Amino acid sequence: MQNIKLAEDYLNRAELRLTALDTLYQVRAWADVVRESQEAVELALKALLRFFGIEMPRVHDVSEILKANREIFPLFVQKKLEVVCEHSRSLRRDRELAFYGSEDLTPSDFYREKDAKEARKAARETVAIVRQASRQSDYGVGPR
């Protein structure tokens, strides 16, 4: 039995992160915008997998699982799949770096407004696609 409430929770938490992104953006916390955008995308895409009954691995980038199950999703998701997979892949690369940095890189010095803008846009687009798809899954969580 699938825990659809967990899928709803993932998507709701992804949507809450979108609000947090705006606050972080306003205070010019570019690295944090990038990191939280990755979290929003990851939660949203894992919700998408759950809404459509696909087993979810414990990895941060689920793009390969999405592609392997392309035919299960509504047509509009299939058309956007390459875009959301690219969002997932590119933000996954920045996940640890944006949060922890490294010996030769300080996140607050490295990330720029352009990075934050792109990450925030990717998060918003991905969450919107998943919200729309959730209404078309067999579990149909209804309008939000």
C-alpha atoms as a PDB file:
ATOM      1  CA  MET A   1       0.000   0.000   0.000  1.00  0.00           C
ATOM      2  CA  GLN A   2       1.335   3.392  -1.049  1.00  0.00           C
ATOM      3  CA  ASN A   3       1.457   6.194   1.517  1.00  0.00           C
ATOM      4  CA  ILE A   4      -0.049   8.973  -0.598  1.00  0.00           C
ATOM      5  CA  LYS A   5       0.003  11.329   2.378  1.00  0.00           C
ATOM      6  CA  LEU A   6       3.776  11.151   2.175  1.00  0.00           C
ATOM      7  CA  ALA A   7       3.654  12.320  -1.456  1.00  0.00           C
ATOM      8  CA  GLU A   8       1.365  15.181  -0.443  1.00  0.00           C
ATOM      9  CA  ASP A   9       3.710  16.066   2.401  1.00  0.00           C
ATOM     10  CA  TYR A  10       6.730  16.138   0.067  1.00  0.00           C
ATOM     11  CA  LEU A  11       4.938  18.449  -2.332  1.00  0.00           C
ATOM     12  CA  ASN A  12       3.625  20.731   0.413  1.00  0.00           C
ATOM     13  CA  ARG A  13       7.124  21.010   1.882  1.00  0.00           C
ATOM     14  CA  ALA A  14       8.535  21.788  -1.561  1.00  0.00           C
ATOM     15  CA  GLU A  15       5.968  24.582  -1.899  1.00  0.00           C
ATOM     16  CA  LEU A  16       6.913  25.961   1.520  1.00  0.00           C
ATOM     17  CA  ARG A  17      10.524  26.105   0.391  1.00  0.00           C
ATOM     18  CA  LEU A  18       9.472  28.356  -2.481  1.00  0.00           C
ATOM     19  CA  THR A  19       8.366  30.912   0.099  1.00  0.00           C
ATOM     20  CA  ALA A  20      11.656  30.518   1.943  1.00  0.00           C
ATOM     21  CA  LEU A  21      13.510  31.058  -1.344  1.00  0.00           C
ATOM     22  CA  ASP A  22      11.941  34.481  -1.724  1.00  0.00           C
ATOM     23  CA  THR A  23      13.064  35.473   1.770  1.00  0.00           C
ATOM     24  CA  LEU A  24      16.585  34.165   1.198  1.00  0.00           C
ATOM     25  CA  TYR A  25      16.699  35.957  -2.146  1.00  0.00           C
ATOM     26  CA  GLN A  26      15.640  39.249  -0.546  1.00  0.00           C
ATOM     27  CA  VAL A  27      18.542  39.067   1.914  1.00  0.00           C
ATOM     28  CA  ARG A  28      20.935  38.155  -0.920  1.00  0.00           C
ATOM     29  CA  ALA A  29      21.785  34.718   0.487  1.00  0.00           C
ATOM     30  CA  TRP A  30      22.615  33.334  -2.943  1.00  0.00           C
ATOM     31  CA  ALA A  31      24.183  30.047  -1.791  1.00  0.00           C
ATOM     32  CA  ASP A  32      21.183  29.319   0.411  1.00  0.00           C
ATOM     33  CA  VAL A  33      18.781  30.031  -2.441  1.00  0.00           C
ATOM     34  CA  VAL A  34      20.659  27.479  -4.550  1.00  0.00           C
ATOM     35  CA  ARG A  35      20.662  24.863  -1.778  1.00  0.00           C
ATOM     36  CA  GLU A  36      16.990  25.293  -0.861  1.00  0.00           C
ATOM     37  CA  SER A  37      16.047  25.255  -4.542  1.00  0.00           C
ATOM     38  CA  GLN A  38      17.685  21.854  -4.801  1.00  0.00           C
ATOM     39  CA  GLU A  39      15.701  20.657  -1.783  1.00  0.00           C
ATOM     40  CA  ALA A  40      12.446  21.922  -3.318  1.00  0.00           C
ATOM     41  CA  VAL A  41      13.162  20.191  -6.625  1.00  0.00           C
ATOM     42  CA  GLU A  42      14.155  16.940  -4.929  1.00  0.00           C
ATOM     43  CA  LEU A  43      11.053  16.850  -2.734  1.00  0.00           C
ATOM     44  CA  ALA A  44       8.759  17.736  -5.637  1.00  0.00           C
ATOM     45  CA  LEU A  45      10.178  15.066  -7.939  1.00  0.00           C
ATOM     46  CA  LYS A  46      10.049  12.438  -5.228  1.00  0.00           C
ATOM     47  CA  ALA A  47       6.409  13.412  -4.693  1.00  0.00           C
ATOM     48  CA  LEU A  48       5.836  12.949  -8.436  1.00  0.00           C
ATOM     49  CA  LEU A  49       7.255   9.432  -8.258  1.00  0.00           C
ATOM     50  CA  ARG A  50       5.043   8.581  -5.277  1.00  0.00           C
ATOM     51  CA  PHE A  51       1.901  10.049  -6.860  1.00  0.00           C
ATOM     52  CA  PHE A  52       2.359   7.666  -9.759  1.00  0.00           C
ATOM     53  CA  GLY A  53       3.287   4.615  -7.674  1.00  0.00           C
ATOM     54  CA  ILE A  54       6.957   4.471  -8.623  1.00  0.00           C
ATOM     55  CA  GLU A  55       9.425   3.152  -6.082  1.00  0.00           C
ATOM     56  CA  MET A  56      11.696   5.924  -4.959  1.00  0.00           C
ATOM     57  CA  PRO A  57      15.401   5.398  -4.361  1.00  0.00           C
ATOM     58  CA  ARG A  58      17.316   7.221  -1.651  1.00  0.00           C
ATOM     59  CA  VAL A  59      19.278   9.454  -3.984  1.00  0.00           C
ATOM     60  CA  HIS A  60      19.170  13.212  -4.467  1.00  0.00           C
ATOM     61  CA  ASP A  61      18.735  13.178  -8.252  1.00  0.00           C
ATOM     62  CA  VAL A  62      15.873  10.977  -9.474  1.00  0.00           C
ATOM     63  CA  SER A  63      16.047  12.056 -13.123  1.00  0.00           C
ATOM     64  CA  GLU A  64      17.043   8.608 -14.416  1.00  0.00           C
ATOM     65  CA  ILE A  65      14.051   7.000 -12.653  1.00  0.00           C
ATOM     66  CA  LEU A  66      11.751   9.650 -14.104  1.00  0.00           C
ATOM     67  CA  LYS A  67      13.057   9.000 -17.625  1.00  0.00           C
ATOM     68  CA  ALA A  68      12.771   5.232 -17.221  1.00  0.00           C
ATOM     69  CA  ASN A  69       9.097   5.641 -16.294  1.00  0.00           C
ATOM     70  CA  ARG A  70       8.246   8.421 -18.753  1.00  0.00           C
ATOM     71  CA  GLU A  71       5.150   6.666 -20.178  1.00  0.00           C
ATOM     72  CA  ILE A  72       3.424   6.555 -16.775  1.00  0.00           C
ATOM     73  CA  PHE A  73       3.165  10.335 -16.527  1.00  0.00           C
ATOM     74  CA  PRO A  74       0.568  12.584 -18.156  1.00  0.00           C
ATOM     75  CA  LEU A  75       1.545  13.943 -21.566  1.00  0.00           C
ATOM     76  CA  PHE A  76       2.273  17.444 -20.274  1.00  0.00           C
ATOM     77  CA  VAL A  77       4.786  15.965 -17.787  1.00  0.00           C
ATOM     78  CA  GLN A  78       6.372  13.877 -20.524  1.00  0.00           C
ATOM     79  CA  LYS A  79       6.847  17.060 -22.560  1.00  0.00           C
ATOM     80  CA  LYS A  80       8.549  18.792 -19.599  1.00  0.00           C
ATOM     81  CA  LEU A  81      10.502  15.771 -18.387  1.00  0.00           C
ATOM     82  CA  GLU A  82      13.827  16.760 -19.944  1.00  0.00           C
ATOM     83  CA  VAL A  83      13.538  20.208 -18.369  1.00  0.00           C
ATOM     84  CA  VAL A  84      12.788  18.982 -14.839  1.00  0.00           C
ATOM     85  CA  CYS A  85      15.459  16.288 -15.134  1.00  0.00           C
ATOM     86  CA  GLU A  86      17.999  18.944 -16.084  1.00  0.00           C
ATOM     87  CA  HIS A  87      16.901  21.049 -13.089  1.00  0.00           C
ATOM     88  CA  SER A  88      17.400  18.034 -10.852  1.00  0.00           C
ATOM     89  CA  ARG A  89      20.824  17.155 -12.278  1.00  0.00           C
ATOM     90  CA  SER A  90      22.237  20.663 -12.255  1.00  0.00           C
ATOM     91  CA  LEU A  91      21.017  21.481  -8.751  1.00  0.00           C
ATOM     92  CA  ARG A  92      22.241  18.123  -7.460  1.00  0.00           C
ATOM     93  CA  ARG A  93      25.756  19.097  -8.485  1.00  0.00           C
ATOM     94  CA  ASP A  94      25.522  22.162  -6.241  1.00  0.00           C
ATOM     95  CA  ARG A  95      23.848  20.484  -3.269  1.00  0.00           C
ATOM     96  CA  GLU A  96      26.842  20.005  -0.969  1.00  0.00           C
ATOM     97  CA  LEU A  97      28.952  22.801  -2.390  1.00  0.00           C
ATOM     98  CA  ALA A  98      26.242  25.415  -1.781  1.00  0.00           C
ATOM     99  CA  PHE A  99      25.787  24.191   1.782  1.00  0.00           C
ATOM    100  CA  TYR A 100      29.243  23.222   3.010  1.00  0.00           C
ATOM    101  CA  GLY A 101      31.669  24.729   0.541  1.00  0.00           C
ATOM    102  CA  SER A 102      35.179  23.298   0.441  1.00  0.00           C
ATOM    103  CA  GLU A 103      38.676  24.181   1.550  1.00  0.00           C
ATOM    104  CA  ASP A 104      39.116  26.386  -1.492  1.00  0.00           C
ATOM    105  CA  LEU A 105      35.538  27.643  -1.856  1.00  0.00           C
ATOM    106  CA  THR A 106      33.278  29.615   0.476  1.00  0.00           C
ATOM    107  CA  PRO A 107      29.627  29.339  -0.644  1.00  0.00           C
ATOM    108  CA  SER A 108      28.702  32.940   0.227  1.00  0.00           C
ATOM    109  CA  ASP A 109      31.576  34.224  -1.903  1.00  0.00           C
ATOM    110  CA  PHE A 110      31.135  31.772  -4.773  1.00  0.00           C
ATOM    111  CA  TYR A 111      27.424  31.950  -5.619  1.00  0.00           C
ATOM    112  CA  ARG A 112      26.028  35.003  -7.375  1.00  0.00           C
ATOM    113  CA  GLU A 113      22.589  36.485  -7.905  1.00  0.00           C
ATOM    114  CA  LYS A 114      22.430  34.899 -11.368  1.00  0.00           C
ATOM    115  CA  ASP A 115      22.925  31.445  -9.809  1.00  0.00           C
ATOM    116  CA  ALA A 116      20.180  32.114  -7.280  1.00  0.00           C
ATOM    117  CA  LYS A 117      17.793  33.440  -9.926  1.00  0.00           C
ATOM    118  CA  GLU A 118      18.258  30.379 -12.115  1.00  0.00           C
ATOM    119  CA  ALA A 119      17.907  27.968  -9.189  1.00  0.00           C
ATOM    120  CA  ARG A 120      14.768  29.687  -7.880  1.00  0.00           C
ATOM    121  CA  LYS A 121      13.201  29.657 -11.343  1.00  0.00           C
ATOM    122  CA  ALA A 122      13.975  25.939 -11.712  1.00  0.00           C
ATOM    123  CA  ALA A 123      12.403  25.194  -8.336  1.00  0.00           C
ATOM    124  CA  ARG A 124       9.244  27.149  -9.116  1.00  0.00           C
ATOM    125  CA  GLU A 125       8.837  25.506 -12.508  1.00  0.00           C
ATOM    126  CA  THR A 126       9.405  21.992 -11.164  1.00  0.00           C
ATOM    127  CA  VAL A 127       7.026  22.405  -8.213  1.00  0.00           C
ATOM    128  CA  ALA A 128       4.295  23.828 -10.490  1.00  0.00           C
ATOM    129  CA  ILE A 129       4.584  20.877 -12.878  1.00  0.00           C
ATOM    130  CA  VAL A 130       4.398  18.375 -10.040  1.00  0.00           C
ATOM    131  CA  ARG A 131       1.411  20.150  -8.454  1.00  0.00           C
ATOM    132  CA  GLN A 132      -0.449  19.960 -11.761  1.00  0.00           C
ATOM    133  CA  ALA A 133       0.521  16.304 -12.205  1.00  0.00           C
ATOM    134  CA  SER A 134      -0.660  15.459  -8.687  1.00  0.00           C
ATOM    135  CA  ARG A 135      -4.183  16.409  -9.728  1.00  0.00           C
ATOM    136  CA  GLN A 136      -4.015  13.941 -12.603  1.00  0.00           C
ATOM    137  CA  SER A 137      -2.595  10.959 -10.733  1.00  0.00           C
ATOM    138  CA  ASP A 138      -4.793   8.087  -9.656  1.00  0.00           C
ATOM    139  CA  TYR A 139      -4.573   9.524  -6.161  1.00  0.00           C
ATOM    140  CA  GLY A 140      -5.714  13.025  -7.276  1.00  0.00           C
ATOM    141  CA  VAL A 141      -4.936  15.264  -4.337  1.00  0.00           C
ATOM    142  CA  GLY A 142      -7.135  17.993  -5.779  1.00  0.00           C
ATOM    143  CA  PRO A 143      -6.556  21.680  -6.387  1.00  0.00           C
ATOM    144  CA  ARG A 144      -4.360  23.791  -4.166  1.00  0.00           C
END
